[in-house]
């Protein structure tokens, strides 16, 4: 007679355990755990996403406020630094936007030329095939 609880004793090997010869115990790593609850269905929980994004925005605002309060410069110097950085970021964004526009115009022009060449060549090929 054993005094060990029932959960520690190996169960009989007659039960189905996924094709292995090892004994099936609850929590054995080789045992397939089949869910017994409701089937999983994925749905978006927008309430949690909204709370998360609101908390993220609030944290960013509080962090920015704390950074301004604990800045080593005076208020005027800090505002001047922030304004200068904002101007530089705006200038970089404007330059990159202009470069993107120029690149798109160049690509459009090249593709238009390629298309025109293809149309002209296909007209020549059609004319040549009709001549024979």
Protein backbone atom coordinates (compact mmCIF):
# COMPACT_ATOMS: atom_id res chain seq x y z
CA UNK A 1 0.00 0.00 0.00
CA UNK A 2 1.40 3.35 -1.06
CA UNK A 3 0.78 6.65 0.65
CA UNK A 4 1.62 8.73 -2.44
CA UNK A 5 -1.24 10.81 -3.84
CA UNK A 6 -2.98 9.53 -6.97
CA UNK A 7 -1.57 12.32 -9.13
CA UNK A 8 2.01 11.10 -8.63
CA UNK A 9 1.39 7.50 -9.66
CA UNK A 10 1.83 6.62 -13.33
CA UNK A 11 -1.42 5.68 -15.00
CA UNK A 12 -1.94 2.49 -16.95
CA UNK A 13 -0.44 2.35 -20.43
CA UNK A 14 -3.70 1.27 -21.94
CA UNK A 15 -4.88 4.84 -22.38
CA UNK A 16 -4.29 6.66 -25.64
CA UNK A 17 -1.35 9.02 -25.30
CA UNK A 18 -0.69 10.22 -28.82
CA UNK A 19 1.23 7.17 -30.03
CA UNK A 20 4.03 7.21 -27.45
CA UNK A 21 4.83 4.34 -25.13
CA UNK A 22 5.44 6.66 -22.20
CA UNK A 23 2.86 6.73 -19.44
CA UNK A 24 0.30 9.48 -19.63
CA UNK A 25 0.42 11.83 -16.69
CA UNK A 26 -1.20 15.20 -16.42
CA UNK A 27 1.55 17.67 -17.24
CA UNK A 28 3.80 15.23 -19.06
CA UNK A 29 5.59 17.17 -21.84
CA UNK A 30 4.91 14.53 -24.49
CA UNK A 31 1.18 14.44 -23.91
CA UNK A 32 -1.02 16.42 -26.23
CA UNK A 33 -3.18 18.78 -24.29
CA UNK A 34 -6.52 19.03 -25.99
CA UNK A 35 -8.62 22.02 -24.99
CA UNK A 36 -11.87 21.26 -23.28
CA UNK A 37 -13.30 24.78 -23.12
CA UNK A 38 -14.97 26.90 -25.75
CA UNK A 39 -13.27 27.11 -29.15
CA UNK A 40 -10.92 30.04 -29.65
CA UNK A 41 -12.25 32.80 -31.82
CA UNK A 42 -10.17 35.85 -32.54
CA UNK A 43 -11.86 39.21 -32.26
CA UNK A 44 -10.49 42.68 -31.79
CA UNK A 45 -11.01 44.14 -28.35
CA UNK A 46 -11.00 47.83 -29.21
CA UNK A 47 -11.76 48.94 -25.67
CA UNK A 48 -8.45 47.56 -24.41
CA UNK A 49 -6.60 48.99 -27.42
CA UNK A 50 -8.15 52.40 -26.75
CA UNK A 51 -7.16 52.30 -23.09
CA UNK A 52 -3.64 51.25 -24.03
CA UNK A 53 -3.21 54.06 -26.58
CA UNK A 54 -4.70 56.62 -24.18
CA UNK A 55 -2.28 55.48 -21.48
CA UNK A 56 0.60 55.64 -23.94
CA UNK A 57 -0.30 59.21 -24.95
CA UNK A 58 -0.74 60.26 -21.33
CA UNK A 59 2.63 58.75 -20.43
CA UNK A 60 4.30 60.59 -23.32
CA UNK A 61 2.79 63.88 -22.22
CA UNK A 62 3.80 63.36 -18.61
CA UNK A 63 7.31 62.39 -19.68
CA UNK A 64 7.63 65.48 -21.85
CA UNK A 65 6.39 67.66 -19.00
CA UNK A 66 8.86 66.12 -16.57
CA UNK A 67 11.68 66.60 -19.07
CA UNK A 68 10.81 70.28 -19.38
CA UNK A 69 10.62 70.72 -15.61
CA UNK A 70 13.96 69.03 -14.98
CA UNK A 71 15.81 70.54 -17.94
CA UNK A 72 19.22 71.98 -17.01
CA UNK A 73 18.56 75.22 -18.94
CA UNK A 74 16.18 78.04 -18.18
CA UNK A 75 12.73 78.16 -19.75
CA UNK A 76 13.74 80.59 -22.49
CA UNK A 77 16.80 78.51 -23.46
CA UNK A 78 14.75 75.31 -23.47
CA UNK A 79 12.07 76.83 -25.69
CA UNK A 80 14.78 78.14 -28.04
CA UNK A 81 16.35 74.67 -28.27
CA UNK A 82 12.99 73.03 -28.91
CA UNK A 83 12.09 75.60 -31.58
CA UNK A 84 15.46 75.12 -33.30
CA UNK A 85 15.08 71.35 -33.34
CA UNK A 86 11.54 71.67 -34.67
CA UNK A 87 12.77 73.93 -37.50
CA UNK A 88 15.52 71.45 -38.40
CA UNK A 89 13.11 68.52 -38.39
CA UNK A 90 10.63 70.47 -40.54
CA UNK A 91 13.40 71.44 -42.99
CA UNK A 92 14.61 67.84 -43.25
CA UNK A 93 11.07 66.58 -43.78
CA UNK A 94 10.46 69.21 -46.47
CA UNK A 95 13.72 68.33 -48.24
CA UNK A 96 12.94 64.63 -48.18
CA UNK A 97 9.41 65.26 -49.40
CA UNK A 98 10.77 67.35 -52.29
CA UNK A 99 13.34 64.64 -53.11
CA UNK A 100 10.59 62.03 -53.13
CA UNK A 101 8.48 64.17 -55.47
CA UNK A 102 11.43 64.68 -57.82
CA UNK A 103 12.19 60.95 -57.81
CA UNK A 104 8.56 60.10 -58.58
CA UNK A 105 8.47 62.65 -61.42
CA UNK A 106 11.70 61.19 -62.85
CA UNK A 107 10.34 57.63 -62.62
CA UNK A 108 7.07 58.69 -64.25
CA UNK A 109 8.95 60.40 -67.08
CA UNK A 110 11.12 57.33 -67.68
CA UNK A 111 8.17 54.95 -67.64
CA UNK A 112 6.23 57.22 -69.99
CA UNK A 113 9.19 57.15 -72.43
CA UNK A 114 9.41 53.36 -72.19
CA UNK A 115 5.70 53.02 -72.83
CA UNK A 116 5.89 55.39 -75.81
CA UNK A 117 8.83 53.42 -77.27
CA UNK A 118 6.90 50.18 -76.82
CA UNK A 119 3.85 51.60 -78.58
CA UNK A 120 5.96 52.90 -81.48
CA UNK A 121 7.77 49.57 -81.83
CA UNK A 122 4.50 47.65 -81.75
CA UNK A 123 3.11 49.94 -84.50
CA UNK A 124 6.21 49.25 -86.59
CA UNK A 125 5.83 45.51 -86.00
CA UNK A 126 2.15 45.65 -86.97
CA UNK A 127 2.96 47.64 -90.10
CA UNK A 128 5.72 45.20 -91.03
CA UNK A 129 3.39 42.21 -90.56
CA UNK A 130 0.72 43.83 -92.75
CA UNK A 131 3.24 44.55 -95.52
CA UNK A 132 4.01 40.85 -96.00
